[in-house]
Amino acid sequence: MTVKELYEQIHGNYENALKIMMMDSFIQKIIVKLPGDPSCPALLAAAETMDPTRMFESAHAMKGVYANLCLDSLSKAASVITEEFRPGHEREMSDAEVKQVIEEIRTMYETTIAAIQSFIQQNA
């Protein structure tokens, strides 16, 4: 599997990633580190208690990491949570709506990490 094929599988924007990182080999070097990034697991853990500070901090970190990798769907979903829990911002979503977004993030994240791990095994 190529890096481009991986991006297609995980619904990433390979062309934008290539513009940012300039080389396919550099994208590969970075994307294989994503399973070790703590931002999404931290968000999922924070969602268990709906801790607003932890929700904001972990979603904000996740948004940045995934945006830099051009994994737009995950970055946008994290952005929804970031804005919902931004300090000084009045909440607009119910807890049930937040949990629905969190479940969407969980599903996308698990699919993405599984694909990356498969990519790592195939390219070892």
PDB file of N, CA and C in Angstrom:
ATOM      1  N   MET A   1       0.856  -1.178   0.000  1.00  0.00           N
ATOM      2  CA  MET A   1       0.000   0.000   0.000  1.00  0.00           C
ATOM      3  C   MET A   1       0.900   1.238   0.000  1.00  0.00           C
ATOM      4  N   THR A   2       0.556   2.208  -0.823  1.00  0.00           N
ATOM      5  CA  THR A   2       1.296   3.463  -0.864  1.00  0.00           C
ATOM      6  C   THR A   2       0.707   4.448   0.151  1.00  0.00           C
ATOM      7  N   VAL A   3       1.440   5.519   0.396  1.00  0.00           N
ATOM      8  CA  VAL A   3       0.936   6.561   1.303  1.00  0.00           C
ATOM      9  C   VAL A   3      -0.334   7.174   0.725  1.00  0.00           C
ATOM     10  N   LYS A   4      -0.353   7.373  -0.570  1.00  0.00           N
ATOM     11  CA  LYS A   4      -1.551   7.925  -1.216  1.00  0.00           C
ATOM     12  C   LYS A   4      -2.746   7.000  -1.018  1.00  0.00           C
ATOM     13  N   GLU A   5      -2.532   5.697  -1.173  1.00  0.00           N
ATOM     14  CA  GLU A   5      -3.622   4.739  -0.960  1.00  0.00           C
ATOM     15  C   GLU A   5      -4.083   4.738   0.498  1.00  0.00           C
ATOM     16  N   LEU A   6      -3.134   4.874   1.419  1.00  0.00           N
ATOM     17  CA  LEU A   6      -3.495   4.975   2.837  1.00  0.00           C
ATOM     18  C   LEU A   6      -4.389   6.189   3.057  1.00  0.00           C
ATOM     19  N   TYR A   7      -4.010   7.330   2.514  1.00  0.00           N
ATOM     20  CA  TYR A   7      -4.806   8.545   2.673  1.00  0.00           C
ATOM     21  C   TYR A   7      -6.211   8.379   2.081  1.00  0.00           C
ATOM     22  N   GLU A   8      -6.299   7.692   0.958  1.00  0.00           N
ATOM     23  CA  GLU A   8      -7.625   7.422   0.385  1.00  0.00           C
ATOM     24  C   GLU A   8      -8.458   6.564   1.330  1.00  0.00           C
ATOM     25  N   GLN A   9      -7.830   5.581   1.925  1.00  0.00           N
ATOM     26  CA  GLN A   9      -8.535   4.674   2.840  1.00  0.00           C
ATOM     27  C   GLN A   9      -9.005   5.389   4.099  1.00  0.00           C
ATOM     28  N   ILE A  10      -8.227   6.347   4.595  1.00  0.00           N
ATOM     29  CA  ILE A  10      -8.584   7.036   5.848  1.00  0.00           C
ATOM     30  C   ILE A  10      -9.244   8.389   5.590  1.00  0.00           C
ATOM     31  N   HIS A  11      -9.604   8.630   4.347  1.00  0.00           N
ATOM     32  CA  HIS A  11     -10.312   9.857   3.958  1.00  0.00           C
ATOM     33  C   HIS A  11      -9.506  11.110   4.285  1.00  0.00           C
ATOM     34  N   GLY A  12      -8.205  11.022   4.063  1.00  0.00           N
ATOM     35  CA  GLY A  12      -7.330  12.173   4.245  1.00  0.00           C
ATOM     36  C   GLY A  12      -7.150  12.903   2.927  1.00  0.00           C
ATOM     37  N   ASN A  13      -6.581  14.074   2.998  1.00  0.00           N
ATOM     38  CA  ASN A  13      -6.331  14.872   1.808  1.00  0.00           C
ATOM     39  C   ASN A  13      -4.845  14.768   1.464  1.00  0.00           C
ATOM     40  N   TYR A  14      -4.520  13.761   0.688  1.00  0.00           N
ATOM     41  CA  TYR A  14      -3.125  13.466   0.344  1.00  0.00           C
ATOM     42  C   TYR A  14      -2.474  14.630  -0.408  1.00  0.00           C
ATOM     43  N   GLU A  15      -3.196  15.239  -1.322  1.00  0.00           N
ATOM     44  CA  GLU A  15      -2.621  16.313  -2.122  1.00  0.00           C
ATOM     45  C   GLU A  15      -2.208  17.484  -1.234  1.00  0.00           C
ATOM     46  N   ASN A  16      -3.048  17.833  -0.261  1.00  0.00           N
ATOM     47  CA  ASN A  16      -2.680  18.922   0.655  1.00  0.00           C
ATOM     48  C   ASN A  16      -1.528  18.518   1.560  1.00  0.00           C
ATOM     49  N   ALA A  17      -1.528  17.273   2.016  1.00  0.00           N
ATOM     50  CA  ALA A  17      -0.419  16.791   2.849  1.00  0.00           C
ATOM     51  C   ALA A  17       0.891  16.881   2.069  1.00  0.00           C
ATOM     52  N   LEU A  18       0.844  16.533   0.799  1.00  0.00           N
ATOM     53  CA  LEU A  18       2.037  16.589  -0.038  1.00  0.00           C
ATOM     54  C   LEU A  18       2.503  18.036  -0.233  1.00  0.00           C
ATOM     55  N   LYS A  19       1.564  18.958  -0.353  1.00  0.00           N
ATOM     56  CA  LYS A  19       1.928  20.379  -0.466  1.00  0.00           C
ATOM     57  C   LYS A  19       2.618  20.867   0.799  1.00  0.00           C
ATOM     58  N   ILE A  20       2.142  20.412   1.950  1.00  0.00           N
ATOM     59  CA  ILE A  20       2.702  20.859   3.226  1.00  0.00           C
ATOM     60  C   ILE A  20       4.048  20.191   3.507  1.00  0.00           C
ATOM     61  N   MET A  21       4.098  18.877   3.328  1.00  0.00           N
ATOM     62  CA  MET A  21       5.290  18.121   3.738  1.00  0.00           C
ATOM     63  C   MET A  21       6.280  17.877   2.609  1.00  0.00           C
ATOM     64  N   MET A  22       5.883  18.191   1.394  1.00  0.00           N
ATOM     65  CA  MET A  22       6.749  18.215   0.225  1.00  0.00           C
ATOM     66  C   MET A  22       7.200  16.851  -0.327  1.00  0.00           C
ATOM     67  N   MET A  23       7.266  15.841   0.520  1.00  0.00           N
ATOM     68  CA  MET A  23       7.739  14.542   0.038  1.00  0.00           C
ATOM     69  C   MET A  23       6.885  13.424   0.624  1.00  0.00           C
ATOM     70  N   ASP A  24       6.616  12.449  -0.203  1.00  0.00           N
ATOM     71  CA  ASP A  24       5.854  11.290   0.218  1.00  0.00           C
ATOM     72  C   ASP A  24       6.532  10.596   1.402  1.00  0.00           C
ATOM     73  N   SER A  25       7.847  10.513   1.355  1.00  0.00           N
ATOM     74  CA  SER A  25       8.588   9.826   2.426  1.00  0.00           C
ATOM     75  C   SER A  25       8.440  10.565   3.762  1.00  0.00           C
ATOM     76  N   PHE A  26       8.326  11.881   3.721  1.00  0.00           N
ATOM     77  CA  PHE A  26       8.148  12.642   4.961  1.00  0.00           C
ATOM     78  C   PHE A  26       6.740  12.447   5.517  1.00  0.00           C
ATOM     79  N   ILE A  27       5.750  12.406   4.634  1.00  0.00           N
ATOM     80  CA  ILE A  27       4.380  12.123   5.076  1.00  0.00           C
ATOM     81  C   ILE A  27       4.361  10.768   5.771  1.00  0.00           C
ATOM     82  N   GLN A  28       4.989   9.780   5.143  1.00  0.00           N
ATOM     83  CA  GLN A  28       5.020   8.439   5.721  1.00  0.00           C
ATOM     84  C   GLN A  28       5.695   8.454   7.085  1.00  0.00           C
ATOM     85  N   LYS A  29       6.792   9.153   7.200  1.00  0.00           N
ATOM     86  CA  LYS A  29       7.538   9.218   8.461  1.00  0.00           C
ATOM     87  C   LYS A  29       6.667   9.767   9.587  1.00  0.00           C
ATOM     88  N   ILE A  30       5.819  10.736   9.268  1.00  0.00           N
ATOM     89  CA  ILE A  30       4.969  11.374  10.278  1.00  0.00           C
ATOM     90  C   ILE A  30       3.699  10.558  10.539  1.00  0.00           C
ATOM     91  N   ILE A  31       3.040  10.101   9.494  1.00  0.00           N
ATOM     92  CA  ILE A  31       1.743   9.425   9.663  1.00  0.00           C
ATOM     93  C   ILE A  31       1.891   8.144  10.483  1.00  0.00           C
ATOM     94  N   VAL A  32       3.013   7.452  10.383  1.00  0.00           N
ATOM     95  CA  VAL A  32       3.174   6.217  11.150  1.00  0.00           C
ATOM     96  C   VAL A  32       3.341   6.475  12.646  1.00  0.00           C
ATOM     97  N   LYS A  33       3.580   7.715  13.025  1.00  0.00           N
ATOM     98  CA  LYS A  33       3.683   8.086  14.441  1.00  0.00           C
ATOM     99  C   LYS A  33       2.319   8.386  15.061  1.00  0.00           C
ATOM    100  N   LEU A  34       1.303   8.530  14.227  1.00  0.00           N
ATOM    101  CA  LEU A  34      -0.014   8.920  14.725  1.00  0.00           C
ATOM    102  C   LEU A  34      -0.592   7.957  15.764  1.00  0.00           C
ATOM    103  N   PRO A  35      -0.421   6.640  15.632  1.00  0.00           N
ATOM    104  CA  PRO A  35      -0.966   5.764  16.677  1.00  0.00           C
ATOM    105  C   PRO A  35      -0.419   6.065  18.082  1.00  0.00           C
ATOM    106  N   GLY A  36       0.731   6.691  18.175  1.00  0.00           N
ATOM    107  CA  GLY A  36       1.311   7.042  19.467  1.00  0.00           C
ATOM    108  C   GLY A  36       0.902   8.404  19.989  1.00  0.00           C
ATOM    109  N   ASP A  37       0.175   9.160  19.184  1.00  0.00           N
ATOM    110  CA  ASP A  37      -0.244  10.496  19.619  1.00  0.00           C
ATOM    111  C   ASP A  37      -1.342  10.372  20.673  1.00  0.00           C
ATOM    112  N   PRO A  38      -1.192  11.047  21.815  1.00  0.00           N
ATOM    113  CA  PRO A  38      -2.157  10.893  22.908  1.00  0.00           C
ATOM    114  C   PRO A  38      -3.401  11.770  22.814  1.00  0.00           C
ATOM    115  N   SER A  39      -3.497  12.649  21.840  1.00  0.00           N
ATOM    116  CA  SER A  39      -4.585  13.636  21.854  1.00  0.00           C
ATOM    117  C   SER A  39      -5.977  13.028  21.727  1.00  0.00           C
ATOM    118  N   CYS A  40      -6.178  12.106  20.811  1.00  0.00           N
ATOM    119  CA  CYS A  40      -7.513  11.517  20.668  1.00  0.00           C
ATOM    120  C   CYS A  40      -7.864  10.615  21.844  1.00  0.00           C
ATOM    121  N   PRO A  41      -6.966   9.731  22.289  1.00  0.00           N
ATOM    122  CA  PRO A  41      -7.303   8.959  23.488  1.00  0.00           C
ATOM    123  C   PRO A  41      -7.610   9.854  24.694  1.00  0.00           C
ATOM    124  N   ALA A  42      -6.911  10.977  24.814  1.00  0.00           N
ATOM    125  CA  ALA A  42      -7.186  11.905  25.915  1.00  0.00           C
ATOM    126  C   ALA A  42      -8.578  12.511  25.777  1.00  0.00           C
ATOM    127  N   LEU A  43      -8.972  12.822  24.559  1.00  0.00           N
ATOM    128  CA  LEU A  43     -10.316  13.364  24.337  1.00  0.00           C
ATOM    129  C   LEU A  43     -11.371  12.323  24.690  1.00  0.00           C
ATOM    130  N   LEU A  44     -11.167  11.110  24.243  1.00  0.00           N
ATOM    131  CA  LEU A  44     -12.137  10.053  24.531  1.00  0.00           C
ATOM    132  C   LEU A  44     -12.237   9.808  26.035  1.00  0.00           C
ATOM    133  N   ALA A  45     -11.122   9.886  26.745  1.00  0.00           N
ATOM    134  CA  ALA A  45     -11.141   9.723  28.203  1.00  0.00           C
ATOM    135  C   ALA A  45     -11.848  10.903  28.864  1.00  0.00           C
ATOM    136  N   ALA A  46     -11.584  12.114  28.400  1.00  0.00           N
ATOM    137  CA  ALA A  46     -12.224  13.302  28.963  1.00  0.00           C
ATOM    138  C   ALA A  46     -13.732  13.270  28.744  1.00  0.00           C
ATOM    139  N   ALA A  47     -14.150  12.672  27.649  1.00  0.00           N
ATOM    140  CA  ALA A  47     -15.581  12.596  27.333  1.00  0.00           C
ATOM    141  C   ALA A  47     -16.327  11.707  28.319  1.00  0.00           C
ATOM    142  N   GLU A  48     -15.615  10.793  28.953  1.00  0.00           N
ATOM    143  CA  GLU A  48     -16.262   9.913  29.934  1.00  0.00           C
ATOM    144  C   GLU A  48     -16.838  10.712  31.101  1.00  0.00           C
ATOM    145  N   THR A  49     -16.146  11.787  31.484  1.00  0.00           N
ATOM    146  CA  THR A  49     -16.597  12.606  32.619  1.00  0.00           C
ATOM    147  C   THR A  49     -17.134  13.964  32.171  1.00  0.00           C
ATOM    148  N   MET A  50     -17.021  14.239  30.877  1.00  0.00           N
ATOM    149  CA  MET A  50     -17.462  15.528  30.316  1.00  0.00           C
ATOM    150  C   MET A  50     -16.765  16.704  31.018  1.00  0.00           C
ATOM    151  N   ASP A  51     -15.494  16.500  31.359  1.00  0.00           N
ATOM    152  CA  ASP A  51     -14.689  17.545  31.990  1.00  0.00           C
ATOM    153  C   ASP A  51     -14.411  18.632  30.952  1.00  0.00           C
ATOM    154  N   PRO A  52     -14.964  19.837  31.139  1.00  0.00           N
ATOM    155  CA  PRO A  52     -14.858  20.859  30.093  1.00  0.00           C
ATOM    156  C   PRO A  52     -13.424  21.289  29.787  1.00  0.00           C
ATOM    157  N   THR A  53     -12.589  21.394  30.793  1.00  0.00           N
ATOM    158  CA  THR A  53     -11.204  21.811  30.568  1.00  0.00           C
ATOM    159  C   THR A  53     -10.446  20.752  29.785  1.00  0.00           C
ATOM    160  N   ARG A  54     -10.550  19.511  30.217  1.00  0.00           N
ATOM    161  CA  ARG A  54      -9.871  18.417  29.513  1.00  0.00           C
ATOM    162  C   ARG A  54     -10.450  18.214  28.114  1.00  0.00           C
ATOM    163  N   MET A  55     -11.759  18.397  27.965  1.00  0.00           N
ATOM    164  CA  MET A  55     -12.386  18.266  26.643  1.00  0.00           C
ATOM    165  C   MET A  55     -11.791  19.308  25.692  1.00  0.00           C
ATOM    166  N   PHE A  56     -11.722  20.553  26.154  1.00  0.00           N
ATOM    167  CA  PHE A  56     -11.181  21.614  25.311  1.00  0.00           C
ATOM    168  C   PHE A  56      -9.719  21.345  24.963  1.00  0.00           C
ATOM    169  N   GLU A  57      -8.905  21.084  25.985  1.00  0.00           N
ATOM    170  CA  GLU A  57      -7.467  20.926  25.755  1.00  0.00           C
ATOM    171  C   GLU A  57      -7.148  19.757  24.832  1.00  0.00           C
ATOM    172  N   SER A  58      -7.780  18.636  25.069  1.00  0.00           N
ATOM    173  CA  SER A  58      -7.474  17.469  24.238  1.00  0.00           C
ATOM    174  C   SER A  58      -8.040  17.622  22.827  1.00  0.00           C
ATOM    175  N   ALA A  59      -9.237  18.192  22.700  1.00  0.00           N
ATOM    176  CA  ALA A  59      -9.811  18.407  21.363  1.00  0.00           C
ATOM    177  C   ALA A  59      -8.991  19.423  20.580  1.00  0.00           C
ATOM    178  N   HIS A  60      -8.518  20.457  21.260  1.00  0.00           N
ATOM    179  CA  HIS A  60      -7.703  21.485  20.607  1.00  0.00           C
ATOM    180  C   HIS A  60      -6.387  20.880  20.107  1.00  0.00           C
ATOM    181  N   ALA A  61      -5.758  20.055  20.932  1.00  0.00           N
ATOM    182  CA  ALA A  61      -4.520  19.393  20.517  1.00  0.00           C
ATOM    183  C   ALA A  61      -4.778  18.463  19.332  1.00  0.00           C
ATOM    184  N   MET A  62      -5.850  17.704  19.437  1.00  0.00           N
ATOM    185  CA  MET A  62      -6.194  16.768  18.366  1.00  0.00           C
ATOM    186  C   MET A  62      -6.464  17.512  17.062  1.00  0.00           C
ATOM    187  N   LYS A  63      -7.206  18.600  17.151  1.00  0.00           N
ATOM    188  CA  LYS A  63      -7.520  19.381  15.956  1.00  0.00           C
ATOM    189  C   LYS A  63      -6.242  19.784  15.232  1.00  0.00           C
ATOM    190  N   GLY A  64      -5.250  20.260  15.976  1.00  0.00           N
ATOM    191  CA  GLY A  64      -3.999  20.690  15.366  1.00  0.00           C
ATOM    192  C   GLY A  64      -3.216  19.556  14.737  1.00  0.00           C
ATOM    193  N   VAL A  65      -3.081  18.462  15.451  1.00  0.00           N
ATOM    194  CA  VAL A  65      -2.328  17.308  14.948  1.00  0.00           C
ATOM    195  C   VAL A  65      -2.949  16.798  13.649  1.00  0.00           C
ATOM    196  N   TYR A  66      -4.251  16.598  13.667  1.00  0.00           N
ATOM    197  CA  TYR A  66      -4.924  16.020  12.511  1.00  0.00           C
ATOM    198  C   TYR A  66      -5.014  17.003  11.343  1.00  0.00           C
ATOM    199  N   ALA A  67      -5.130  18.286  11.646  1.00  0.00           N
ATOM    200  CA  ALA A  67      -5.129  19.293  10.575  1.00  0.00           C
ATOM    201  C   ALA A  67      -3.769  19.322   9.878  1.00  0.00           C
ATOM    202  N   ASN A  68      -2.702  19.249  10.661  1.00  0.00           N
ATOM    203  CA  ASN A  68      -1.358  19.256  10.072  1.00  0.00           C
ATOM    204  C   ASN A  68      -1.103  18.045   9.194  1.00  0.00           C
ATOM    205  N   LEU A  69      -1.780  16.946   9.481  1.00  0.00           N
ATOM    206  CA  LEU A  69      -1.647  15.742   8.658  1.00  0.00           C
ATOM    207  C   LEU A  69      -2.683  15.693   7.533  1.00  0.00           C
ATOM    208  N   CYS A  70      -3.516  16.722   7.462  1.00  0.00           N
ATOM    209  CA  CYS A  70      -4.568  16.824   6.450  1.00  0.00           C
ATOM    210  C   CYS A  70      -5.578  15.687   6.555  1.00  0.00           C
ATOM    211  N   LEU A  71      -5.855  15.283   7.782  1.00  0.00           N
ATOM    212  CA  LEU A  71      -6.921  14.321   8.056  1.00  0.00           C
ATOM    213  C   LEU A  71      -8.131  15.151   8.450  1.00  0.00           C
ATOM    214  N   ASP A  72      -8.753  15.714   7.428  1.00  0.00           N
ATOM    215  CA  ASP A  72      -9.744  16.773   7.595  1.00  0.00           C
ATOM    216  C   ASP A  72     -10.978  16.363   8.392  1.00  0.00           C
ATOM    217  N   SER A  73     -11.493  15.177   8.182  1.00  0.00           N
ATOM    218  CA  SER A  73     -12.714  14.770   8.884  1.00  0.00           C
ATOM    219  C   SER A  73     -12.495  14.725  10.387  1.00  0.00           C
ATOM    220  N   LEU A  74     -11.402  14.133  10.812  1.00  0.00           N
ATOM    221  CA  LEU A  74     -11.102  14.064  12.241  1.00  0.00           C
ATOM    222  C   LEU A  74     -10.784  15.444  12.802  1.00  0.00           C
ATOM    223  N   SER A  75     -10.069  16.248  12.050  1.00  0.00           N
ATOM    224  CA  SER A  75      -9.742  17.597  12.508  1.00  0.00           C
ATOM    225  C   SER A  75     -11.009  18.439  12.677  1.00  0.00           C
ATOM    226  N   LYS A  76     -11.919  18.335  11.719  1.00  0.00           N
ATOM    227  CA  LYS A  76     -13.166  19.104  11.802  1.00  0.00           C
ATOM    228  C   LYS A  76     -14.041  18.644  12.962  1.00  0.00           C
ATOM    229  N   ALA A  77     -14.101  17.355  13.194  1.00  0.00           N
ATOM    230  CA  ALA A  77     -14.889  16.842  14.317  1.00  0.00           C
ATOM    231  C   ALA A  77     -14.285  17.303  15.638  1.00  0.00           C
ATOM    232  N   ALA A  78     -12.957  17.287  15.737  1.00  0.00           N
ATOM    233  CA  ALA A  78     -12.293  17.780  16.950  1.00  0.00           C
ATOM    234  C   ALA A  78     -12.535  19.278  17.122  1.00  0.00           C
ATOM    235  N   SER A  79     -12.605  19.997  16.014  1.00  0.00           N
ATOM    236  CA  SER A  79     -12.873  21.434  16.071  1.00  0.00           C
ATOM    237  C   SER A  79     -14.250  21.730  16.658  1.00  0.00           C
ATOM    238  N   VAL A  80     -15.233  20.893  16.334  1.00  0.00           N
ATOM    239  CA  VAL A  80     -16.583  21.059  16.894  1.00  0.00           C
ATOM    240  C   VAL A  80     -16.516  20.981  18.415  1.00  0.00           C
ATOM    241  N   ILE A  81     -15.786  19.999  18.926  1.00  0.00           N
ATOM    242  CA  ILE A  81     -15.658  19.840  20.377  1.00  0.00           C
ATOM    243  C   ILE A  81     -14.831  20.980  20.968  1.00  0.00           C
ATOM    244  N   THR A  82     -13.773  21.380  20.276  1.00  0.00           N
ATOM    245  CA  THR A  82     -12.950  22.502  20.742  1.00  0.00           C
ATOM    246  C   THR A  82     -13.801  23.741  20.952  1.00  0.00           C
ATOM    247  N   GLU A  83     -14.606  24.077  19.965  1.00  0.00           N
ATOM    248  CA  GLU A  83     -15.424  25.297  20.063  1.00  0.00           C
ATOM    249  C   GLU A  83     -16.528  25.156  21.107  1.00  0.00           C
ATOM    250  N   GLU A  84     -17.054  23.967  21.250  1.00  0.00           N
ATOM    251  CA  GLU A  84     -18.114  23.739  22.237  1.00  0.00           C
ATOM    252  C   GLU A  84     -17.602  23.950  23.660  1.00  0.00           C
ATOM    253  N   PHE A  85     -16.350  23.612  23.893  1.00  0.00           N
ATOM    254  CA  PHE A  85     -15.791  23.693  25.244  1.00  0.00           C
ATOM    255  C   PHE A  85     -14.752  24.800  25.405  1.00  0.00           C
ATOM    256  N   ARG A  86     -14.675  25.699  24.414  1.00  0.00           N
ATOM    257  CA  ARG A  86     -13.725  26.812  24.506  1.00  0.00           C
ATOM    258  C   ARG A  86     -14.064  27.662  25.728  1.00  0.00           C
ATOM    259  N   PRO A  87     -13.059  27.962  26.562  1.00  0.00           N
ATOM    260  CA  PRO A  87     -13.325  28.788  27.745  1.00  0.00           C
ATOM    261  C   PRO A  87     -13.973  30.121  27.361  1.00  0.00           C
ATOM    262  N   GLY A  88     -14.997  30.480  28.091  1.00  0.00           N
ATOM    263  CA  GLY A  88     -15.725  31.724  27.840  1.00  0.00           C
ATOM    264  C   GLY A  88     -16.823  31.596  26.803  1.00  0.00           C
ATOM    265  N   HIS A  89     -16.909  30.444  26.170  1.00  0.00           N
ATOM    266  CA  HIS A  89     -17.927  30.201  25.155  1.00  0.00           C
ATOM    267  C   HIS A  89     -19.110  29.511  25.812  1.00  0.00           C
ATOM    268  N   GLU A  90     -20.282  29.996  25.546  1.00  0.00           N
ATOM    269  CA  GLU A  90     -21.481  29.357  26.088  1.00  0.00           C
ATOM    270  C   GLU A  90     -21.783  28.097  25.283  1.00  0.00           C
ATOM    271  N   ARG A  91     -21.987  27.010  25.991  1.00  0.00           N
ATOM    272  CA  ARG A  91     -22.279  25.746  25.321  1.00  0.00           C
ATOM    273  C   ARG A  91     -23.569  25.844  24.532  1.00  0.00           C
ATOM    274  N   GLU A  92     -23.563  25.220  23.363  1.00  0.00           N
ATOM    275  CA  GLU A  92     -24.729  25.207  22.489  1.00  0.00           C
ATOM    276  C   GLU A  92     -25.288  23.802  22.293  1.00  0.00           C
ATOM    277  N   MET A  93     -24.468  22.804  22.533  1.00  0.00           N
ATOM    278  CA  MET A  93     -24.873  21.423  22.315  1.00  0.00           C
ATOM    279  C   MET A  93     -25.266  20.784  23.644  1.00  0.00           C
ATOM    280  N   SER A  94     -26.193  19.851  23.564  1.00  0.00           N
ATOM    281  CA  SER A  94     -26.527  19.062  24.758  1.00  0.00           C
ATOM    282  C   SER A  94     -25.421  18.032  24.975  1.00  0.00           C
ATOM    283  N   ASP A  95     -25.387  17.456  26.168  1.00  0.00           N
ATOM    284  CA  ASP A  95     -24.421  16.391  26.427  1.00  0.00           C
ATOM    285  C   ASP A  95     -24.625  15.231  25.456  1.00  0.00           C
ATOM    286  N   ALA A  96     -25.869  14.927  25.133  1.00  0.00           N
ATOM    287  CA  ALA A  96     -26.154  13.834  24.193  1.00  0.00           C
ATOM    288  C   ALA A  96     -25.580  14.143  22.809  1.00  0.00           C
ATOM    289  N   GLU A  97     -25.683  15.380  22.376  1.00  0.00           N
ATOM    290  CA  GLU A  97     -25.135  15.768  21.067  1.00  0.00           C
ATOM    291  C   GLU A  97     -23.609  15.692  21.090  1.00  0.00           C
ATOM    292  N   VAL A  98     -23.004  16.125  22.198  1.00  0.00           N
ATOM    293  CA  VAL A  98     -21.549  16.041  22.329  1.00  0.00           C
ATOM    294  C   VAL A  98     -21.123  14.579  22.267  1.00  0.00           C
ATOM    295  N   LYS A  99     -21.829  13.731  22.987  1.00  0.00           N
ATOM    296  CA  LYS A  99     -21.475  12.312  22.999  1.00  0.00           C
ATOM    297  C   LYS A  99     -21.624  11.679  21.618  1.00  0.00           C
ATOM    298  N   GLN A 100     -22.572  12.166  20.833  1.00  0.00           N
ATOM    299  CA  GLN A 100     -22.730  11.669  19.469  1.00  0.00           C
ATOM    300  C   GLN A 100     -21.505  12.037  18.626  1.00  0.00           C
ATOM    301  N   VAL A 101     -21.036  13.276  18.761  1.00  0.00           N
ATOM    302  CA  VAL A 101     -19.839  13.697  18.031  1.00  0.00           C
ATOM    303  C   VAL A 101     -18.633  12.883  18.505  1.00  0.00           C
ATOM    304  N   ILE A 102     -18.544  12.659  19.800  1.00  0.00           N
ATOM    305  CA  ILE A 102     -17.440  11.866  20.352  1.00  0.00           C
ATOM    306  C   ILE A 102     -17.459  10.453  19.776  1.00  0.00           C
ATOM    307  N   GLU A 103     -18.627   9.858  19.652  1.00  0.00           N
ATOM    308  CA  GLU A 103     -18.714   8.506  19.070  1.00  0.00           C
ATOM    309  C   GLU A 103     -18.305   8.510  17.602  1.00  0.00           C
ATOM    310  N   GLU A 104     -18.644   9.577  16.880  1.00  0.00           N
ATOM    311  CA  GLU A 104     -18.196   9.694  15.489  1.00  0.00           C
ATOM    312  C   GLU A 104     -16.675   9.793  15.434  1.00  0.00           C
ATOM    313  N   ILE A 105     -16.112  10.577  16.354  1.00  0.00           N
ATOM    314  CA  ILE A 105     -14.652  10.699  16.430  1.00  0.00           C
ATOM    315  C   ILE A 105     -14.037   9.338  16.747  1.00  0.00           C
ATOM    316  N   ARG A 106     -14.594   8.638  17.727  1.00  0.00           N
ATOM    317  CA  ARG A 106     -14.075   7.325  18.113  1.00  0.00           C
ATOM    318  C   ARG A 106     -14.056   6.372  16.908  1.00  0.00           C
ATOM    319  N   THR A 107     -15.136   6.340  16.167  1.00  0.00           N
ATOM    320  CA  THR A 107     -15.229   5.450  15.009  1.00  0.00           C
ATOM    321  C   THR A 107     -14.196   5.821  13.950  1.00  0.00           C
ATOM    322  N   MET A 108     -14.105   7.112  13.616  1.00  0.00           N
ATOM    323  CA  MET A 108     -13.130   7.554  12.615  1.00  0.00           C
ATOM    324  C   MET A 108     -11.705   7.279  13.085  1.00  0.00           C
ATOM    325  N   TYR A 109     -11.449   7.542  14.364  1.00  0.00           N
ATOM    326  CA  TYR A 109     -10.118   7.340  14.930  1.00  0.00           C
ATOM    327  C   TYR A 109      -9.733   5.864  14.865  1.00  0.00           C
ATOM    328  N   GLU A 110     -10.610   4.990  15.313  1.00  0.00           N
ATOM    329  CA  GLU A 110     -10.300   3.556  15.308  1.00  0.00           C
ATOM    330  C   GLU A 110     -10.047   3.041  13.900  1.00  0.00           C
ATOM    331  N   THR A 111     -10.842   3.500  12.941  1.00  0.00           N
ATOM    332  CA  THR A 111     -10.656   3.115  11.540  1.00  0.00           C
ATOM    333  C   THR A 111      -9.315   3.622  11.011  1.00  0.00           C
ATOM    334  N   THR A 112      -9.000   4.861  11.345  1.00  0.00           N
ATOM    335  CA  THR A 112      -7.754   5.480  10.895  1.00  0.00           C
ATOM    336  C   THR A 112      -6.544   4.761  11.476  1.00  0.00           C
ATOM    337  N   ILE A 113      -6.566   4.522  12.767  1.00  0.00           N
ATOM    338  CA  ILE A 113      -5.426   3.860  13.421  1.00  0.00           C
ATOM    339  C   ILE A 113      -5.261   2.429  12.902  1.00  0.00           C
ATOM    340  N   ALA A 114      -6.354   1.712  12.704  1.00  0.00           N
ATOM    341  CA  ALA A 114      -6.266   0.348  12.168  1.00  0.00           C
ATOM    342  C   ALA A 114      -5.631   0.355  10.778  1.00  0.00           C
ATOM    343  N   ALA A 115      -6.014   1.309   9.960  1.00  0.00           N
ATOM    344  CA  ALA A 115      -5.448   1.399   8.608  1.00  0.00           C
ATOM    345  C   ALA A 115      -3.964   1.749   8.656  1.00  0.00           C
ATOM    346  N   ILE A 116      -3.593   2.654   9.550  1.00  0.00           N
ATOM    347  CA  ILE A 116      -2.183   3.022   9.675  1.00  0.00           C
ATOM    348  C   ILE A 116      -1.370   1.835  10.180  1.00  0.00           C
ATOM    349  N   GLN A 117      -1.890   1.122  11.146  1.00  0.00           N
ATOM    350  CA  GLN A 117      -1.176  -0.057  11.648  1.00  0.00           C
ATOM    351  C   GLN A 117      -1.024  -1.118  10.558  1.00  0.00           C
ATOM    352  N   SER A 118      -2.025  -1.286   9.739  1.00  0.00           N
ATOM    353  CA  SER A 118      -1.932  -2.215   8.611  1.00  0.00           C
ATOM    354  C   SER A 118      -0.870  -1.729   7.625  1.00  0.00           C
ATOM    355  N   PHE A 119      -0.860  -0.431   7.363  1.00  0.00           N
ATOM    356  CA  PHE A 119       0.133   0.172   6.482  1.00  0.00           C
ATOM    357  C   PHE A 119       1.543  -0.075   7.032  1.00  0.00           C
ATOM    358  N   ILE A 120       1.716   0.106   8.333  1.00  0.00           N
ATOM    359  CA  ILE A 120       3.032  -0.096   8.953  1.00  0.00           C
ATOM    360  C   ILE A 120       3.470  -1.560   8.767  1.00  0.00           C
ATOM    361  N   GLN A 121       2.576  -2.497   8.995  1.00  0.00           N
ATOM    362  CA  GLN A 121       2.899  -3.928   8.848  1.00  0.00           C
ATOM    363  C   GLN A 121       3.267  -4.263   7.414  1.00  0.00           C
ATOM    364  N   GLN A 122       2.525  -3.695   6.468  1.00  0.00           N
ATOM    365  CA  GLN A 122       2.788  -3.993   5.059  1.00  0.00           C
ATOM    366  C   GLN A 122       4.101  -3.398   4.573  1.00  0.00           C
ATOM    367  N   ASN A 123       4.510  -2.324   5.212  1.00  0.00           N
ATOM    368  CA  ASN A 123       5.710  -1.621   4.758  1.00  0.00           C
ATOM    369  C   ASN A 123       6.916  -1.830   5.679  1.00  0.00           C
ATOM    370  N   ALA A 124       6.809  -2.813   6.539  1.00  0.00           N
ATOM    371  CA  ALA A 124       7.923  -3.075   7.488  1.00  0.00           C
ATOM    372  C   ALA A 124       9.081  -3.758   6.800  1.00  0.00           C
TER     373      ALA A 124
END
